[in-house]
Amino acid sequence: FDGRIRGVFTLPKATGQTWSEGALLYWDNSGKKFTTSA
């Protein structure tokens, strides 16, 4: 399959967090969501 490795996407986010523009984001592979938690 083809996969995009770069670009802007609307993707699952961990609830309970507020994201500010430019905040570093981490992939939680077990939850399959992005988070601000390293």
PDB file of all heavy atoms in Angstrom:
ATOM      1  N   PHE A   1       0.850  -1.194   0.000  1.00  0.00           N
ATOM      2  CA  PHE A   1       0.000   0.000   0.000  1.00  0.00           C
ATOM      3  C   PHE A   1       0.877   1.233   0.000  1.00  0.00           C
ATOM      4  O   PHE A   1       2.038   1.188   0.401  1.00  0.00           O
ATOM      5  CB  PHE A   1      -0.958   0.008   1.205  1.00  0.00           C
ATOM      6  CG  PHE A   1      -0.325   0.398   2.513  1.00  0.00           C
ATOM      7  CD1 PHE A   1      -0.428   1.687   3.009  1.00  0.00           C
ATOM      8  CD2 PHE A   1       0.380  -0.534   3.266  1.00  0.00           C
ATOM      9  CE1 PHE A   1       0.145   2.047   4.220  1.00  0.00           C
ATOM     10  CE2 PHE A   1       0.950  -0.188   4.477  1.00  0.00           C
ATOM     11  CZ  PHE A   1       0.837   1.113   4.948  1.00  0.00           C
ATOM     12  N   ASP A   2       0.322   2.328  -0.489  1.00  0.00           N
ATOM     13  CA  ASP A   2       1.016   3.605  -0.459  1.00  0.00           C
ATOM     14  C   ASP A   2       0.625   4.349   0.801  1.00  0.00           C
ATOM     15  O   ASP A   2      -0.557   4.382   1.177  1.00  0.00           O
ATOM     16  CB  ASP A   2       0.663   4.456  -1.681  1.00  0.00           C
ATOM     17  CG  ASP A   2       1.310   3.938  -2.954  1.00  0.00           C
ATOM     18  OD1 ASP A   2       2.314   3.205  -2.858  1.00  0.00           O
ATOM     19  OD2 ASP A   2       0.811   4.278  -4.045  1.00  0.00           O
ATOM     20  N   GLY A   3       1.630   4.938   1.445  1.00  0.00           N
ATOM     21  CA  GLY A   3       1.402   5.705   2.658  1.00  0.00           C
ATOM     22  C   GLY A   3       2.061   7.068   2.560  1.00  0.00           C
ATOM     23  O   GLY A   3       3.200   7.171   2.114  1.00  0.00           O
ATOM     24  N   ARG A   4       1.331   8.099   2.937  1.00  0.00           N
ATOM     25  CA  ARG A   4       1.893   9.458   2.983  1.00  0.00           C
ATOM     26  C   ARG A   4       2.649   9.620   4.298  1.00  0.00           C
ATOM     27  O   ARG A   4       2.110   9.322   5.351  1.00  0.00           O
ATOM     28  CB  ARG A   4       0.802  10.511   2.896  1.00  0.00           C
ATOM     29  CG  ARG A   4       0.189  10.608   1.536  1.00  0.00           C
ATOM     30  CD  ARG A   4      -0.522  11.960   1.375  1.00  0.00           C
ATOM     31  NE  ARG A   4      -0.869  12.161  -0.003  1.00  0.00           N
ATOM     32  CZ  ARG A   4      -0.054  12.705  -0.915  1.00  0.00           C
ATOM     33  NH1 ARG A   4       1.142  13.108  -0.577  1.00  0.00           N
ATOM     34  NH2 ARG A   4      -0.447  12.852  -2.160  1.00  0.00           N
ATOM     35  N   ILE A   5       3.882  10.108   4.199  1.00  0.00           N
ATOM     36  CA  ILE A   5       4.691  10.295   5.403  1.00  0.00           C
ATOM     37  C   ILE A   5       4.792  11.760   5.818  1.00  0.00           C
ATOM     38  O   ILE A   5       5.300  12.066   6.890  1.00  0.00           O
ATOM     39  CB  ILE A   5       6.106   9.717   5.233  1.00  0.00           C
ATOM     40  CG1 ILE A   5       6.865  10.446   4.131  1.00  0.00           C
ATOM     41  CG2 ILE A   5       6.047   8.227   4.971  1.00  0.00           C
ATOM     42  CD1 ILE A   5       8.341  10.169   4.123  1.00  0.00           C
ATOM     43  N   ARG A   6       4.305  12.655   4.989  1.00  0.00           N
ATOM     44  CA  ARG A   6       4.429  14.086   5.266  1.00  0.00           C
ATOM     45  C   ARG A   6       3.190  14.798   4.757  1.00  0.00           C
ATOM     46  O   ARG A   6       2.650  14.445   3.718  1.00  0.00           O
ATOM     47  CB  ARG A   6       5.668  14.626   4.557  1.00  0.00           C
ATOM     48  CG  ARG A   6       6.113  15.963   5.015  1.00  0.00           C
ATOM     49  CD  ARG A   6       7.481  16.326   4.469  1.00  0.00           C
ATOM     50  NE  ARG A   6       8.414  15.265   4.847  1.00  0.00           N
ATOM     51  CZ  ARG A   6       9.370  14.790   4.058  1.00  0.00           C
ATOM     52  NH1 ARG A   6       9.556  15.276   2.876  1.00  0.00           N
ATOM     53  NH2 ARG A   6      10.157  13.833   4.454  1.00  0.00           N
ATOM     54  N   GLY A   7       2.739  15.799   5.505  1.00  0.00           N
ATOM     55  CA  GLY A   7       1.592  16.601   5.105  1.00  0.00           C
ATOM     56  C   GLY A   7       0.695  16.900   6.288  1.00  0.00           C
ATOM     57  O   GLY A   7       0.968  16.491   7.411  1.00  0.00           O
ATOM     58  N   VAL A   8      -0.395  17.620   6.026  1.00  0.00           N
ATOM     59  CA  VAL A   8      -1.355  17.983   7.062  1.00  0.00           C
ATOM     60  C   VAL A   8      -2.588  17.102   6.896  1.00  0.00           C
ATOM     61  O   VAL A   8      -3.135  16.992   5.801  1.00  0.00           O
ATOM     62  CB  VAL A   8      -1.744  19.474   6.977  1.00  0.00           C
ATOM     63  CG1 VAL A   8      -2.788  19.829   8.026  1.00  0.00           C
ATOM     64  CG2 VAL A   8      -0.508  20.354   7.131  1.00  0.00           C
ATOM     65  N   PHE A   9      -3.010  16.488   8.002  1.00  0.00           N
ATOM     66  CA  PHE A   9      -4.126  15.550   8.002  1.00  0.00           C
ATOM     67  C   PHE A   9      -5.028  15.820   9.197  1.00  0.00           C
ATOM     68  O   PHE A   9      -4.563  16.247  10.249  1.00  0.00           O
ATOM     69  CB  PHE A   9      -3.628  14.099   8.119  1.00  0.00           C
ATOM     70  CG  PHE A   9      -2.661  13.701   7.052  1.00  0.00           C
ATOM     71  CD1 PHE A   9      -1.290  13.882   7.232  1.00  0.00           C
ATOM     72  CD2 PHE A   9      -3.108  13.126   5.876  1.00  0.00           C
ATOM     73  CE1 PHE A   9      -0.394  13.509   6.248  1.00  0.00           C
ATOM     74  CE2 PHE A   9      -2.218  12.746   4.890  1.00  0.00           C
ATOM     75  CZ  PHE A   9      -0.865  12.944   5.073  1.00  0.00           C
ATOM     76  N   THR A  10      -6.314  15.524   9.067  1.00  0.00           N
ATOM     77  CA  THR A  10      -7.225  15.495  10.201  1.00  0.00           C
ATOM     78  C   THR A  10      -7.192  14.066  10.727  1.00  0.00           C
ATOM     79  O   THR A  10      -7.565  13.131  10.020  1.00  0.00           O
ATOM     80  CB  THR A  10      -8.658  15.875   9.776  1.00  0.00           C
ATOM     81  OG1 THR A  10      -8.624  17.199   9.241  1.00  0.00           O
ATOM     82  CG2 THR A  10      -9.613  15.822  10.959  1.00  0.00           C
ATOM     83  N   LEU A  11      -6.697  13.907  11.963  1.00  0.00           N
ATOM     84  CA  LEU A  11      -6.458  12.572  12.513  1.00  0.00           C
ATOM     85  C   LEU A  11      -6.977  12.482  13.948  1.00  0.00           C
ATOM     86  O   LEU A  11      -7.211  13.512  14.599  1.00  0.00           O
ATOM     87  CB  LEU A  11      -4.957  12.249  12.463  1.00  0.00           C
ATOM     88  CG  LEU A  11      -4.391  12.086  11.051  1.00  0.00           C
ATOM     89  CD1 LEU A  11      -2.874  12.074  11.069  1.00  0.00           C
ATOM     90  CD2 LEU A  11      -4.926  10.815  10.406  1.00  0.00           C
ATOM     91  N   PRO A  12      -7.145  11.249  14.464  1.00  0.00           N
ATOM     92  CA  PRO A  12      -7.673  11.067  15.826  1.00  0.00           C
ATOM     93  C   PRO A  12      -6.806  11.763  16.886  1.00  0.00           C
ATOM     94  O   PRO A  12      -5.575  11.717  16.823  1.00  0.00           O
ATOM     95  CB  PRO A  12      -7.647   9.555  16.023  1.00  0.00           C
ATOM     96  CG  PRO A  12      -7.651   8.984  14.650  1.00  0.00           C
ATOM     97  CD  PRO A  12      -6.904   9.969  13.797  1.00  0.00           C
ATOM     98  N   LYS A  13      -7.487  12.395  17.841  1.00  0.00           N
ATOM     99  CA  LYS A  13      -6.828  13.156  18.907  1.00  0.00           C
ATOM    100  C   LYS A  13      -7.265  12.613  20.261  1.00  0.00           C
ATOM    101  O   LYS A  13      -8.431  12.270  20.447  1.00  0.00           O
ATOM    102  CB  LYS A  13      -7.242  14.621  18.777  1.00  0.00           C
ATOM    103  CG  LYS A  13      -6.809  15.515  19.910  1.00  0.00           C
ATOM    104  CD  LYS A  13      -7.573  16.840  19.839  1.00  0.00           C
ATOM    105  CE  LYS A  13      -7.427  17.633  21.101  1.00  0.00           C
ATOM    106  NZ  LYS A  13      -8.117  17.048  22.250  1.00  0.00           N
ATOM    107  N   ALA A  14      -6.337  12.549  21.188  1.00  0.00           N
ATOM    108  CA  ALA A  14      -6.679  12.176  22.565  1.00  0.00           C
ATOM    109  C   ALA A  14      -7.557  13.271  23.154  1.00  0.00           C
ATOM    110  O   ALA A  14      -7.221  14.450  23.086  1.00  0.00           O
ATOM    111  CB  ALA A  14      -5.414  11.998  23.390  1.00  0.00           C
ATOM    112  N   THR A  15      -8.711  12.884  23.706  1.00  0.00           N
ATOM    113  CA  THR A  15      -9.570  13.874  24.340  1.00  0.00           C
ATOM    114  C   THR A  15      -8.992  14.240  25.702  1.00  0.00           C
ATOM    115  O   THR A  15      -8.134  13.547  26.231  1.00  0.00           O
ATOM    116  CB  THR A  15     -11.010  13.341  24.481  1.00  0.00           C
ATOM    117  OG1 THR A  15     -10.979  12.120  25.198  1.00  0.00           O
ATOM    118  CG2 THR A  15     -11.667  13.138  23.124  1.00  0.00           C
ATOM    119  N   GLY A  16      -9.448  15.344  26.237  1.00  0.00           N
ATOM    120  CA  GLY A  16      -8.942  15.797  27.530  1.00  0.00           C
ATOM    121  C   GLY A  16      -7.699  16.658  27.407  1.00  0.00           C
ATOM    122  O   GLY A  16      -7.105  17.038  28.412  1.00  0.00           O
ATOM    123  N   GLN A  17      -7.302  16.968  26.184  1.00  0.00           N
ATOM    124  CA  GLN A  17      -6.129  17.809  25.942  1.00  0.00           C
ATOM    125  C   GLN A  17      -6.529  18.990  25.071  1.00  0.00           C
ATOM    126  O   GLN A  17      -7.366  18.855  24.185  1.00  0.00           O
ATOM    127  CB  GLN A  17      -5.037  17.042  25.194  1.00  0.00           C
ATOM    128  CG  GLN A  17      -4.490  15.858  25.907  1.00  0.00           C
ATOM    129  CD  GLN A  17      -3.403  15.177  25.086  1.00  0.00           C
ATOM    130  OE1 GLN A  17      -3.308  15.339  23.880  1.00  0.00           O
ATOM    131  NE2 GLN A  17      -2.587  14.407  25.760  1.00  0.00           N
ATOM    132  N   THR A  18      -5.895  20.110  25.322  1.00  0.00           N
ATOM    133  CA  THR A  18      -6.028  21.265  24.448  1.00  0.00           C
ATOM    134  C   THR A  18      -4.732  21.375  23.663  1.00  0.00           C
ATOM    135  O   THR A  18      -3.658  21.292  24.237  1.00  0.00           O
ATOM    136  CB  THR A  18      -6.245  22.551  25.272  1.00  0.00           C
ATOM    137  OG1 THR A  18      -7.442  22.392  26.038  1.00  0.00           O
ATOM    138  CG2 THR A  18      -6.363  23.763  24.391  1.00  0.00           C
ATOM    139  N   TRP A  19      -4.852  21.516  22.354  1.00  0.00           N
ATOM    140  CA  TRP A  19      -3.666  21.689  21.515  1.00  0.00           C
ATOM    141  C   TRP A  19      -3.543  23.154  21.118  1.00  0.00           C
ATOM    142  O   TRP A  19      -4.506  23.763  20.679  1.00  0.00           O
ATOM    143  CB  TRP A  19      -3.771  20.883  20.233  1.00  0.00           C
ATOM    144  CG  TRP A  19      -3.709  19.407  20.362  1.00  0.00           C
ATOM    145  CD1 TRP A  19      -3.560  18.673  21.493  1.00  0.00           C
ATOM    146  CD2 TRP A  19      -3.821  18.467  19.298  1.00  0.00           C
ATOM    147  NE1 TRP A  19      -3.561  17.339  21.196  1.00  0.00           N
ATOM    148  CE2 TRP A  19      -3.719  17.187  19.856  1.00  0.00           C
ATOM    149  CE3 TRP A  19      -4.004  18.591  17.924  1.00  0.00           C
ATOM    150  CZ2 TRP A  19      -3.781  16.037  19.076  1.00  0.00           C
ATOM    151  CZ3 TRP A  19      -4.062  17.450  17.156  1.00  0.00           C
ATOM    152  CH2 TRP A  19      -3.945  16.176  17.728  1.00  0.00           C
ATOM    153  N   SER A  20      -2.354  23.678  21.268  1.00  0.00           N
ATOM    154  CA  SER A  20      -2.080  25.011  20.746  1.00  0.00           C
ATOM    155  C   SER A  20      -1.388  24.842  19.395  1.00  0.00           C
ATOM    156  O   SER A  20      -0.736  23.826  19.139  1.00  0.00           O
ATOM    157  CB  SER A  20      -1.202  25.804  21.712  1.00  0.00           C
ATOM    158  OG  SER A  20       0.015  25.127  21.940  1.00  0.00           O
ATOM    159  N   GLU A  21      -1.566  25.817  18.547  1.00  0.00           N
ATOM    160  CA  GLU A  21      -0.942  25.771  17.228  1.00  0.00           C
ATOM    161  C   GLU A  21       0.572  25.614  17.383  1.00  0.00           C
ATOM    162  O   GLU A  21       1.198  26.320  18.164  1.00  0.00           O
ATOM    163  CB  GLU A  21      -1.268  27.068  16.487  1.00  0.00           C
ATOM    164  CG  GLU A  21      -0.792  27.111  15.070  1.00  0.00           C
ATOM    165  CD  GLU A  21      -1.225  28.395  14.391  1.00  0.00           C
ATOM    166  OE1 GLU A  21      -1.332  29.440  15.069  1.00  0.00           O
ATOM    167  OE2 GLU A  21      -1.447  28.354  13.182  1.00  0.00           O
ATOM    168  N   GLY A  22       1.145  24.644  16.688  1.00  0.00           N
ATOM    169  CA  GLY A  22       2.580  24.405  16.732  1.00  0.00           C
ATOM    170  C   GLY A  22       3.042  23.485  17.851  1.00  0.00           C
ATOM    171  O   GLY A  22       4.229  23.176  17.946  1.00  0.00           O
ATOM    172  N   ALA A  23       2.118  23.012  18.702  1.00  0.00           N
ATOM    173  CA  ALA A  23       2.488  22.110  19.803  1.00  0.00           C
ATOM    174  C   ALA A  23       3.013  20.793  19.235  1.00  0.00           C
ATOM    175  O   ALA A  23       2.478  20.259  18.262  1.00  0.00           O
ATOM    176  CB  ALA A  23       1.289  21.842  20.696  1.00  0.00           C
ATOM    177  N   LEU A  24       4.066  20.263  19.848  1.00  0.00           N
ATOM    178  CA  LEU A  24       4.588  18.962  19.435  1.00  0.00           C
ATOM    179  C   LEU A  24       3.544  17.885  19.706  1.00  0.00           C
ATOM    180  O   LEU A  24       2.898  17.891  20.755  1.00  0.00           O
ATOM    181  CB  LEU A  24       5.874  18.628  20.191  1.00  0.00           C
ATOM    182  CG  LEU A  24       7.087  19.479  19.846  1.00  0.00           C
ATOM    183  CD1 LEU A  24       8.277  19.070  20.711  1.00  0.00           C
ATOM    184  CD2 LEU A  24       7.445  19.369  18.378  1.00  0.00           C
ATOM    185  N   LEU A  25       3.408  16.963  18.747  1.00  0.00           N
ATOM    186  CA  LEU A  25       2.440  15.880  18.880  1.00  0.00           C
ATOM    187  C   LEU A  25       3.129  14.531  18.787  1.00  0.00           C
ATOM    188  O   LEU A  25       4.073  14.351  18.020  1.00  0.00           O
ATOM    189  CB  LEU A  25       1.364  15.975  17.800  1.00  0.00           C
ATOM    190  CG  LEU A  25       0.484  17.211  17.855  1.00  0.00           C
ATOM    191  CD1 LEU A  25      -0.502  17.208  16.695  1.00  0.00           C
ATOM    192  CD2 LEU A  25      -0.244  17.314  19.187  1.00  0.00           C
ATOM    193  N   TYR A  26       2.625  13.599  19.577  1.00  0.00           N
ATOM    194  CA  TYR A  26       3.186  12.258  19.675  1.00  0.00           C
ATOM    195  C   TYR A  26       2.118  11.241  19.282  1.00  0.00           C
ATOM    196  O   TYR A  26       0.943  11.418  19.590  1.00  0.00           O
ATOM    197  CB  TYR A  26       3.649  11.993  21.115  1.00  0.00           C
ATOM    198  CG  TYR A  26       4.699  12.970  21.569  1.00  0.00           C
ATOM    199  CD1 TYR A  26       4.333  14.228  22.057  1.00  0.00           C
ATOM    200  CD2 TYR A  26       6.046  12.657  21.493  1.00  0.00           C
ATOM    201  CE1 TYR A  26       5.296  15.140  22.462  1.00  0.00           C
ATOM    202  CE2 TYR A  26       7.009  13.570  21.905  1.00  0.00           C
ATOM    203  CZ  TYR A  26       6.628  14.798  22.380  1.00  0.00           C
ATOM    204  OH  TYR A  26       7.581  15.700  22.771  1.00  0.00           O
ATOM    205  N   TRP A  27       2.529  10.172  18.620  1.00  0.00           N
ATOM    206  CA  TRP A  27       1.612   9.109  18.223  1.00  0.00           C
ATOM    207  C   TRP A  27       1.565   8.071  19.329  1.00  0.00           C
ATOM    208  O   TRP A  27       2.583   7.476  19.686  1.00  0.00           O
ATOM    209  CB  TRP A  27       2.059   8.471  16.916  1.00  0.00           C
ATOM    210  CG  TRP A  27       1.217   7.311  16.495  1.00  0.00           C
ATOM    211  CD1 TRP A  27       1.598   6.006  16.439  1.00  0.00           C
ATOM    212  CD2 TRP A  27      -0.142   7.339  16.049  1.00  0.00           C
ATOM    213  NE1 TRP A  27       0.563   5.220  15.991  1.00  0.00           N
ATOM    214  CE2 TRP A  27      -0.521   6.015  15.743  1.00  0.00           C
ATOM    215  CE3 TRP A  27      -1.088   8.353  15.884  1.00  0.00           C
ATOM    216  CZ2 TRP A  27      -1.792   5.679  15.278  1.00  0.00           C
ATOM    217  CZ3 TRP A  27      -2.351   8.020  15.426  1.00  0.00           C
ATOM    218  CH2 TRP A  27      -2.684   6.707  15.129  1.00  0.00           C
ATOM    219  N   ASP A  28       0.371   7.854  19.886  1.00  0.00           N
ATOM    220  CA  ASP A  28       0.129   6.806  20.870  1.00  0.00           C
ATOM    221  C   ASP A  28      -0.315   5.579  20.076  1.00  0.00           C
ATOM    222  O   ASP A  28      -1.475   5.492  19.666  1.00  0.00           O
ATOM    223  CB  ASP A  28      -0.949   7.264  21.847  1.00  0.00           C
ATOM    224  CG  ASP A  28      -1.390   6.163  22.802  1.00  0.00           C
ATOM    225  OD1 ASP A  28      -0.866   5.033  22.733  1.00  0.00           O
ATOM    226  OD2 ASP A  28      -2.294   6.437  23.611  1.00  0.00           O
ATOM    227  N   ASN A  29       0.598   4.659  19.830  1.00  0.00           N
ATOM    228  CA  ASN A  29       0.304   3.512  18.970  1.00  0.00           C
ATOM    229  C   ASN A  29      -0.714   2.561  19.585  1.00  0.00           C
ATOM    230  O   ASN A  29      -1.477   1.930  18.867  1.00  0.00           O
ATOM    231  CB  ASN A  29       1.584   2.762  18.609  1.00  0.00           C
ATOM    232  CG  ASN A  29       1.402   1.903  17.386  1.00  0.00           C
ATOM    233  OD1 ASN A  29       0.884   2.365  16.372  1.00  0.00           O
ATOM    234  ND2 ASN A  29       1.818   0.656  17.470  1.00  0.00           N
ATOM    235  N   SER A  30      -0.774   2.468  20.920  1.00  0.00           N
ATOM    236  CA  SER A  30      -1.760   1.575  21.527  1.00  0.00           C
ATOM    237  C   SER A  30      -3.162   2.181  21.440  1.00  0.00           C
ATOM    238  O   SER A  30      -4.132   1.471  21.211  1.00  0.00           O
ATOM    239  CB  SER A  30      -1.398   1.256  22.977  1.00  0.00           C
ATOM    240  OG  SER A  30      -1.377   2.428  23.751  1.00  0.00           O
ATOM    241  N   GLY A  31      -3.291   3.491  21.606  1.00  0.00           N
ATOM    242  CA  GLY A  31      -4.590   4.148  21.514  1.00  0.00           C
ATOM    243  C   GLY A  31      -4.948   4.599  20.109  1.00  0.00           C
ATOM    244  O   GLY A  31      -6.067   5.012  19.856  1.00  0.00           O
ATOM    245  N   LYS A  32      -3.951   4.561  19.195  1.00  0.00           N
ATOM    246  CA  LYS A  32      -4.143   4.984  17.790  1.00  0.00           C
ATOM    247  C   LYS A  32      -4.645   6.427  17.703  1.00  0.00           C
ATOM    248  O   LYS A  32      -5.537   6.760  16.944  1.00  0.00           O
ATOM    249  CB  LYS A  32      -5.106   4.052  17.041  1.00  0.00           C
ATOM    250  CG  LYS A  32      -4.732   2.585  17.110  1.00  0.00           C
ATOM    251  CD  LYS A  32      -3.411   2.305  16.448  1.00  0.00           C
ATOM    252  CE  LYS A  32      -3.124   0.806  16.420  1.00  0.00           C
ATOM    253  NZ  LYS A  32      -1.724   0.492  16.475  1.00  0.00           N
ATOM    254  N   LYS A  33      -4.026   7.306  18.538  1.00  0.00           N
ATOM    255  CA  LYS A  33      -4.399   8.721  18.577  1.00  0.00           C
ATOM    256  C   LYS A  33      -3.158   9.571  18.777  1.00  0.00           C
ATOM    257  O   LYS A  33      -2.145   9.094  19.289  1.00  0.00           O
ATOM    258  CB  LYS A  33      -5.359   8.989  19.740  1.00  0.00           C
ATOM    259  CG  LYS A  33      -6.671   8.277  19.622  1.00  0.00           C
ATOM    260  CD  LYS A  33      -7.546   8.535  20.812  1.00  0.00           C
ATOM    261  CE  LYS A  33      -8.842   7.759  20.644  1.00  0.00           C
ATOM    262  NZ  LYS A  33      -9.769   7.971  21.715  1.00  0.00           N
ATOM    263  N   PHE A  34      -3.284  10.852  18.429  1.00  0.00           N
ATOM    264  CA  PHE A  34      -2.213  11.801  18.693  1.00  0.00           C
ATOM    265  C   PHE A  34      -2.432  12.431  20.055  1.00  0.00           C
ATOM    266  O   PHE A  34      -3.564  12.649  20.489  1.00  0.00           O
ATOM    267  CB  PHE A  34      -2.159  12.877  17.607  1.00  0.00           C
ATOM    268  CG  PHE A  34      -1.516  12.377  16.358  1.00  0.00           C
ATOM    269  CD1 PHE A  34      -2.271  11.754  15.381  1.00  0.00           C
ATOM    270  CD2 PHE A  34      -0.150  12.480  16.170  1.00  0.00           C
ATOM    271  CE1 PHE A  34      -1.684  11.262  14.234  1.00  0.00           C
ATOM    272  CE2 PHE A  34       0.446  11.991  15.032  1.00  0.00           C
ATOM    273  CZ  PHE A  34      -0.321  11.375  14.068  1.00  0.00           C
ATOM    274  N   THR A  35      -1.319  12.741  20.720  1.00  0.00           N
ATOM    275  CA  THR A  35      -1.346  13.288  22.061  1.00  0.00           C
ATOM    276  C   THR A  35      -0.199  14.280  22.231  1.00  0.00           C
ATOM    277  O   THR A  35       0.776  14.241  21.464  1.00  0.00           O
ATOM    278  CB  THR A  35      -1.225  12.147  23.104  1.00  0.00           C
ATOM    279  OG1 THR A  35      -1.198  12.708  24.416  1.00  0.00           O
ATOM    280  CG2 THR A  35       0.015  11.301  22.897  1.00  0.00           C
ATOM    281  N   THR A  36      -0.299  15.118  23.235  1.00  0.00           N
ATOM    282  CA  THR A  36       0.809  16.009  23.580  1.00  0.00           C
ATOM    283  C   THR A  36       1.723  15.359  24.617  1.00  0.00           C
ATOM    284  O   THR A  36       2.722  15.936  25.007  1.00  0.00           O
ATOM    285  CB  THR A  36       0.284  17.352  24.126  1.00  0.00           C
ATOM    286  OG1 THR A  36      -0.582  17.094  25.232  1.00  0.00           O
ATOM    287  CG2 THR A  36      -0.457  18.129  23.046  1.00  0.00           C
ATOM    288  N   SER A  37       1.385  14.151  25.038  1.00  0.00           N
ATOM    289  CA  SER A  37       2.159  13.432  26.047  1.00  0.00           C
ATOM    290  C   SER A  37       3.281  12.622  25.402  1.00  0.00           C
ATOM    291  O   SER A  37       3.031  11.723  24.597  1.00  0.00           O
ATOM    292  CB  SER A  37       1.233  12.490  26.822  1.00  0.00           C
ATOM    293  OG  SER A  37       1.982  11.716  27.720  1.00  0.00           O
ATOM    294  N   ALA A  38       4.512  12.917  25.785  1.00  0.00           N
ATOM    295  CA  ALA A  38       5.674  12.235  25.215  1.00  0.00           C
ATOM    296  C   ALA A  38       5.853  10.822  25.758  1.00  0.00           C
ATOM    297  O   ALA A  38       6.343   9.955  25.046  1.00  0.00           O
ATOM    298  CB  ALA A  38       6.947  13.045  25.495  1.00  0.00           C
TER     299      ALA A  38
END
